[in-house]
Amino acid sequence: MSIFIIAEIGINHNGDVEIAKDLIKVAKTAGCDAVKFQKRSIELVYPSSELEKPRESPWGTTNRQQKEGLEFGQREFEEISNYCKQLDIEWFASAWDPESQKFLRQFDCKFNKIASAMMVDEAHLELVASEGRHTFVSTGMSTLEEIDKAVQIFNKSNCPFELMHCVSTYPMEDTDANLNCIHMLRERFGCNVGYSGHEVGLAVSYAAAALGISSLERHITLDRSMYGSDQSASVEPAGFKTLVGSVRKIVAALGDGKIGYHPSEVAVARKLREHLVWNEDEHLDG
């Protein structure tokens, strides 16, 4: 068993490719398997009435200016792709509209991601599934019926996927985690199940790792006090290094579940049971 660990950069780069590269380097140093971004076509995702609403941000005074300030384009994603190749770490992105999904194809990423917000868009699910890339499907804000439909779409397309249990609040309260859904989803759909967490701290992610998840995604940031809606639900560099190291230890500690003498116990058993009458050959292998 292994857990594929994803550092979700999302929009925590604040529109600055150098910050994005710093976050990629932190993720690589921490031992992550991949980093993930988000891609949106602003005019397709948001109605003009929403974009023109007032909003103070580092980029201006409207929602449009804020959204455009956060969005990466061709040049930035080319730089990200090249930098990830240099560091030998996978990258991919969750697309929030069909044009963004088509845009990402040029980079031939190994993975796709269905954001929880897109779980109810069957046309988008079909578009992503048609690519045949291994897809992480987040289940936040979804009913069982909606997850059923998504699974049917990916199965019909013979597209490899895994579900990711998720609660879409930022940050999520620990008491809302409902980690037993991991078992339920695995049993119901017969597929691998990961965990995409938005909690403050690491304990819930450790618990998810102990439940046998196949993947773990947490938001990463350089500083939780930075501007951005996702920063407070993110993990800073030192915490991410601790998270990855601890998750790897948890996986190693889970073992294979088979009862018997561990090789390192043999000498201890001989010493501590030498005063007993017992058949060593019957109990010890070798």
Protein backbone atom coordinates (compact mmCIF):
# COMPACT_ATOMS: atom_id res chain seq x y z
CA MET A 1 0.00 0.00 0.00
CA SER A 2 1.14 3.52 -0.77
CA ILE A 3 -0.53 6.93 -0.59
CA PHE A 4 -0.18 9.35 -3.49
CA ILE A 5 0.34 12.75 -1.86
CA ILE A 6 -0.78 15.87 -3.71
CA ALA A 7 0.11 19.43 -2.71
CA GLU A 8 -2.83 21.55 -3.85
CA ILE A 9 -1.39 24.91 -4.86
CA GLY A 10 -4.69 25.94 -6.42
CA ILE A 11 -4.73 29.74 -6.48
CA ASN A 12 -2.45 30.20 -3.46
CA HIS A 13 0.19 31.51 -5.87
CA ASN A 14 -1.78 34.79 -5.99
CA GLY A 15 -1.10 35.18 -9.68
CA ASP A 16 2.68 35.15 -9.24
CA VAL A 17 4.53 32.37 -11.06
CA GLU A 18 7.55 32.81 -8.79
CA ILE A 19 5.39 32.06 -5.75
CA ALA A 20 4.05 29.04 -7.63
CA LYS A 21 7.59 27.82 -8.23
CA ASP A 22 8.47 28.33 -4.57
CA LEU A 23 5.46 26.19 -3.62
CA ILE A 24 6.43 23.50 -6.12
CA LYS A 25 9.92 23.39 -4.60
CA VAL A 26 8.46 23.13 -1.08
CA ALA A 27 6.24 20.25 -2.21
CA LYS A 28 9.15 18.44 -3.83
CA THR A 29 11.37 18.92 -0.77
CA ALA A 30 8.59 17.63 1.48
CA GLY A 31 8.35 14.44 -0.57
CA CYS A 32 5.04 14.99 -2.36
CA ASP A 33 4.22 13.00 -5.49
CA ALA A 34 2.50 15.86 -7.34
CA VAL A 35 1.32 19.45 -7.22
CA LYS A 36 -2.07 20.59 -8.45
CA PHE A 37 -3.36 23.89 -9.80
CA GLN A 38 -6.74 25.23 -10.93
CA LYS A 39 -7.72 26.61 -14.35
CA ARG A 40 -10.73 28.76 -15.18
CA SER A 41 -12.02 30.69 -18.17
CA ILE A 42 -13.29 33.69 -16.26
CA GLU A 43 -16.05 34.62 -18.72
CA LEU A 44 -17.39 31.04 -18.79
CA VAL A 45 -17.29 30.33 -15.06
CA TYR A 46 -18.68 33.61 -13.74
CA PRO A 47 -21.67 35.65 -15.00
CA SER A 48 -20.88 39.25 -15.91
CA SER A 49 -23.13 40.47 -13.10
CA GLU A 50 -20.89 38.66 -10.61
CA LEU A 51 -17.68 39.88 -12.23
CA GLU A 52 -18.71 43.51 -12.04
CA LYS A 53 -19.51 43.43 -8.31
CA PRO A 54 -17.20 45.55 -6.12
CA ARG A 55 -14.36 43.69 -4.40
CA GLU A 56 -11.20 45.09 -2.89
CA SER A 57 -8.11 43.05 -3.77
CA PRO A 58 -4.44 43.57 -4.64
CA TRP A 59 -5.51 43.79 -8.32
CA GLY A 60 -8.33 46.32 -8.14
CA THR A 61 -11.82 47.02 -6.92
CA THR A 62 -14.03 44.49 -8.77
CA ASN A 63 -14.50 40.73 -8.79
CA ARG A 64 -13.31 40.67 -12.40
CA GLN A 65 -9.98 42.26 -11.52
CA GLN A 66 -9.51 39.83 -8.64
CA LYS A 67 -10.33 36.77 -10.75
CA GLU A 68 -8.16 37.88 -13.64
CA GLY A 69 -5.30 38.69 -11.25
CA LEU A 70 -5.34 35.12 -9.89
CA GLU A 71 -5.58 33.32 -13.24
CA PHE A 72 -2.57 31.81 -14.98
CA GLY A 73 -2.35 31.68 -18.76
CA GLN A 74 -0.17 30.07 -21.43
CA ARG A 75 3.15 31.58 -20.35
CA GLU A 76 2.73 30.76 -16.67
CA PHE A 77 1.64 27.17 -17.22
CA GLU A 78 4.50 26.60 -19.66
CA GLU A 79 6.89 27.83 -16.97
CA ILE A 80 5.22 25.62 -14.37
CA SER A 81 5.40 22.59 -16.64
CA ASN A 82 9.10 23.13 -17.37
CA TYR A 83 9.92 23.73 -13.70
CA CYS A 84 8.13 20.54 -12.61
CA LYS A 85 10.10 18.60 -15.20
CA GLN A 86 13.33 20.05 -13.81
CA LEU A 87 12.38 19.01 -10.27
CA ASP A 88 10.95 15.65 -11.39
CA ILE A 89 7.53 16.11 -9.82
CA GLU A 90 4.15 15.53 -11.48
CA TRP A 91 1.71 18.41 -11.93
CA PHE A 92 -1.88 18.67 -13.08
CA ALA A 93 -4.88 20.96 -12.65
CA SER A 94 -8.60 20.90 -12.08
CA ALA A 95 -10.47 22.61 -14.90
CA TRP A 96 -13.67 24.51 -14.10
CA ASP A 97 -14.99 24.71 -17.67
CA PRO A 98 -14.60 22.86 -20.99
CA GLU A 99 -12.26 25.41 -22.56
CA SER A 100 -9.89 25.13 -19.59
CA GLN A 101 -9.93 21.34 -19.86
CA LYS A 102 -9.04 21.56 -23.56
CA PHE A 103 -6.34 24.13 -22.77
CA LEU A 104 -4.66 21.74 -20.31
CA ARG A 105 -4.41 18.93 -22.88
CA GLN A 106 -1.39 20.53 -24.53
CA PHE A 107 0.72 19.75 -21.45
CA ASP A 108 -0.08 16.03 -21.54
CA CYS A 109 -0.31 15.76 -17.76
CA LYS A 110 -0.53 12.27 -16.34
CA PHE A 111 -3.61 13.05 -14.22
CA ASN A 112 -6.91 14.90 -14.26
CA LYS A 113 -8.97 16.22 -11.36
CA ILE A 114 -12.69 16.76 -10.94
CA ALA A 115 -13.20 19.56 -8.44
CA SER A 116 -16.14 19.10 -6.09
CA ALA A 117 -17.85 22.08 -7.73
CA MET A 118 -17.84 20.27 -11.09
CA MET A 119 -19.23 16.94 -9.85
CA VAL A 120 -22.76 17.79 -10.98
CA ASP A 121 -21.78 18.80 -14.54
CA GLU A 122 -22.25 15.56 -16.50
CA ALA A 123 -21.01 17.07 -19.76
CA HIS A 124 -17.79 18.10 -18.03
CA LEU A 125 -17.40 14.63 -16.48
CA GLU A 126 -17.81 13.04 -19.91
CA LEU A 127 -15.25 15.42 -21.43
CA VAL A 128 -12.65 14.61 -18.78
CA ALA A 129 -13.38 10.86 -18.88
CA SER A 130 -12.96 10.85 -22.67
CA GLU A 131 -9.26 11.66 -22.20
CA GLY A 132 -8.62 8.37 -20.39
CA ARG A 133 -6.19 9.85 -17.86
CA HIS A 134 -6.25 8.68 -14.25
CA THR A 135 -8.68 11.08 -12.59
CA PHE A 136 -9.08 12.12 -8.97
CA VAL A 137 -12.78 12.80 -8.34
CA SER A 138 -13.61 14.92 -5.27
CA THR A 139 -16.99 14.21 -3.69
CA GLY A 140 -17.58 17.41 -1.71
CA MET A 141 -21.09 18.90 -1.89
CA SER A 142 -22.37 15.73 -3.59
CA THR A 143 -25.13 13.22 -2.92
CA LEU A 144 -24.69 9.48 -3.36
CA GLU A 145 -26.83 9.68 -6.48
CA GLU A 146 -24.52 12.30 -7.98
CA ILE A 147 -21.45 10.22 -7.13
CA ASP A 148 -23.19 7.18 -8.65
CA LYS A 149 -23.62 9.08 -11.91
CA ALA A 150 -20.00 10.23 -11.98
CA VAL A 151 -18.76 6.68 -11.39
CA GLN A 152 -21.01 5.40 -14.18
CA ILE A 153 -19.58 7.97 -16.59
CA PHE A 154 -15.97 7.05 -15.83
CA ASN A 155 -16.69 3.33 -15.95
CA LYS A 156 -18.52 3.67 -19.28
CA SER A 157 -15.49 5.50 -20.73
CA ASN A 158 -13.07 2.93 -19.25
CA CYS A 159 -11.26 5.86 -17.68
CA PRO A 160 -9.24 4.99 -14.55
CA PHE A 161 -10.30 7.02 -11.53
CA GLU A 162 -10.44 7.17 -7.77
CA LEU A 163 -12.84 9.02 -5.53
CA MET A 164 -11.62 11.51 -2.95
CA HIS A 165 -13.75 11.98 0.15
CA CYS A 166 -14.07 15.71 0.70
CA VAL A 167 -16.02 18.22 2.79
CA SER A 168 -16.11 21.55 0.97
CA THR A 169 -15.76 24.08 3.77
CA TYR A 170 -12.71 26.33 4.13
CA PRO A 171 -11.46 25.64 6.70
CA MET A 172 -13.35 22.49 7.65
CA GLU A 173 -14.15 21.78 11.29
CA ASP A 174 -12.57 18.50 12.44
CA THR A 175 -15.95 17.30 13.68
CA ASP A 176 -17.35 17.59 10.14
CA ALA A 177 -14.76 15.28 8.56
CA ASN A 178 -16.98 12.15 8.55
CA LEU A 179 -14.02 9.94 7.67
CA ASN A 180 -16.14 6.78 7.84
CA CYS A 181 -17.35 7.80 4.38
CA ILE A 182 -14.00 6.49 3.12
CA HIS A 183 -14.99 2.91 4.01
CA MET A 184 -18.50 3.40 2.65
CA LEU A 185 -17.36 4.77 -0.70
CA ARG A 186 -14.78 2.01 -1.13
CA GLU A 187 -17.34 -0.71 -0.38
CA ARG A 188 -20.12 0.81 -2.49
CA PHE A 189 -18.10 1.54 -5.61
CA GLY A 190 -15.30 -1.02 -5.38
CA CYS A 191 -12.66 1.58 -6.18
CA ASN A 192 -9.76 3.30 -4.48
CA VAL A 193 -10.72 6.22 -2.27
CA GLY A 194 -8.53 9.14 -1.26
CA TYR A 195 -9.05 12.14 0.97
CA SER A 196 -9.00 15.83 0.05
CA GLY A 197 -8.82 17.83 3.27
CA HIS A 198 -9.46 21.47 4.12
CA GLU A 199 -9.03 21.30 7.89
CA VAL A 200 -6.64 23.27 10.05
CA GLY A 201 -3.90 20.98 11.36
CA LEU A 202 -2.79 17.48 10.46
CA ALA A 203 -4.60 15.07 12.79
CA VAL A 204 -7.58 14.40 10.51
CA SER A 205 -5.26 13.68 7.59
CA TYR A 206 -3.34 11.21 9.73
CA ALA A 207 -6.59 9.47 10.61
CA ALA A 208 -7.53 9.29 6.94
CA ALA A 209 -4.15 7.74 6.15
CA ALA A 210 -4.76 5.06 8.79
CA LEU A 211 -8.06 4.21 7.08
CA GLY A 212 -6.26 3.03 3.97
CA ILE A 213 -6.75 5.94 1.57
CA SER A 214 -5.05 5.73 -1.81
CA SER A 215 -4.36 9.46 -2.14
CA LEU A 216 -4.13 12.53 0.07
CA GLU A 217 -4.56 16.11 -1.09
CA ARG A 218 -3.94 19.16 1.10
CA HIS A 219 -3.63 22.83 0.17
CA ILE A 220 -0.13 24.20 0.50
CA THR A 221 0.93 27.79 1.24
CA LEU A 222 4.07 29.72 2.03
CA ASP A 223 2.24 31.63 4.78
CA ARG A 224 -1.35 31.17 5.99
CA SER A 225 -1.64 34.93 6.53
CA MET A 226 -1.21 35.66 2.80
CA TYR A 227 -4.09 37.05 0.76
CA GLY A 228 -6.54 34.42 -0.50
CA SER A 229 -9.67 32.46 0.40
CA ASP A 230 -7.82 29.12 0.61
CA GLN A 231 -4.83 30.21 2.69
CA SER A 232 -6.45 29.57 6.09
CA ALA A 233 -7.21 25.96 5.13
CA SER A 234 -3.66 25.37 3.87
CA VAL A 235 -0.50 23.86 5.34
CA GLU A 236 2.74 25.84 5.58
CA PRO A 237 6.13 24.39 4.48
CA ALA A 238 7.27 22.96 7.83
CA GLY A 239 3.85 21.44 8.41
CA PHE A 240 3.77 19.89 4.96
CA LYS A 241 7.13 18.24 5.50
CA THR A 242 5.83 16.84 8.80
CA LEU A 243 2.61 15.70 7.10
CA VAL A 244 4.34 13.77 4.34
CA GLY A 245 6.89 12.17 6.67
CA SER A 246 4.22 11.11 9.15
CA VAL A 247 1.90 9.72 6.47
CA ARG A 248 4.74 7.62 5.07
CA LYS A 249 5.39 6.28 8.59
CA ILE A 250 1.69 5.49 9.08
CA VAL A 251 1.61 3.50 5.84
CA ALA A 252 4.70 1.55 6.88
CA ALA A 253 3.25 0.92 10.34
CA LEU A 254 -0.04 -0.49 9.04
CA GLY A 255 1.72 -3.61 7.74
CA ASP A 256 -0.02 -6.54 6.06
CA GLY A 257 -2.39 -7.51 8.85
CA LYS A 258 -1.01 -11.05 9.21
CA ILE A 259 -0.52 -12.36 12.74
CA GLY A 260 2.64 -14.27 13.60
CA TYR A 261 6.11 -13.87 15.03
CA HIS A 262 7.89 -10.89 13.59
CA PRO A 263 11.50 -11.87 12.78
CA SER A 264 12.74 -9.33 15.32
CA GLU A 265 10.65 -11.00 18.03
CA VAL A 266 12.26 -14.44 17.77
CA ALA A 267 15.29 -13.72 19.98
CA VAL A 268 13.08 -11.87 22.46
CA ALA A 269 10.66 -14.80 22.66
CA ARG A 270 13.48 -17.25 23.36
CA LYS A 271 14.82 -15.07 26.14
CA LEU A 272 11.55 -14.12 27.83
CA ARG A 273 10.04 -17.61 27.60
CA GLU A 274 13.07 -19.67 28.55
CA HIS A 275 11.49 -20.39 31.95
CA LEU A 276 8.40 -21.91 30.27
CA VAL A 277 7.80 -25.36 28.89
CA TRP A 278 6.90 -24.71 25.28
CA ASN A 279 7.76 -26.16 21.90
CA GLU A 280 9.90 -23.59 20.18
CA ASP A 281 9.91 -25.43 16.84
CA GLU A 282 6.12 -25.49 16.87
CA HIS A 283 5.81 -21.76 17.40
CA LEU A 284 8.81 -20.22 15.66
CA ASP A 285 9.63 -20.45 11.99
CA GLY A 286 13.33 -21.21 11.85
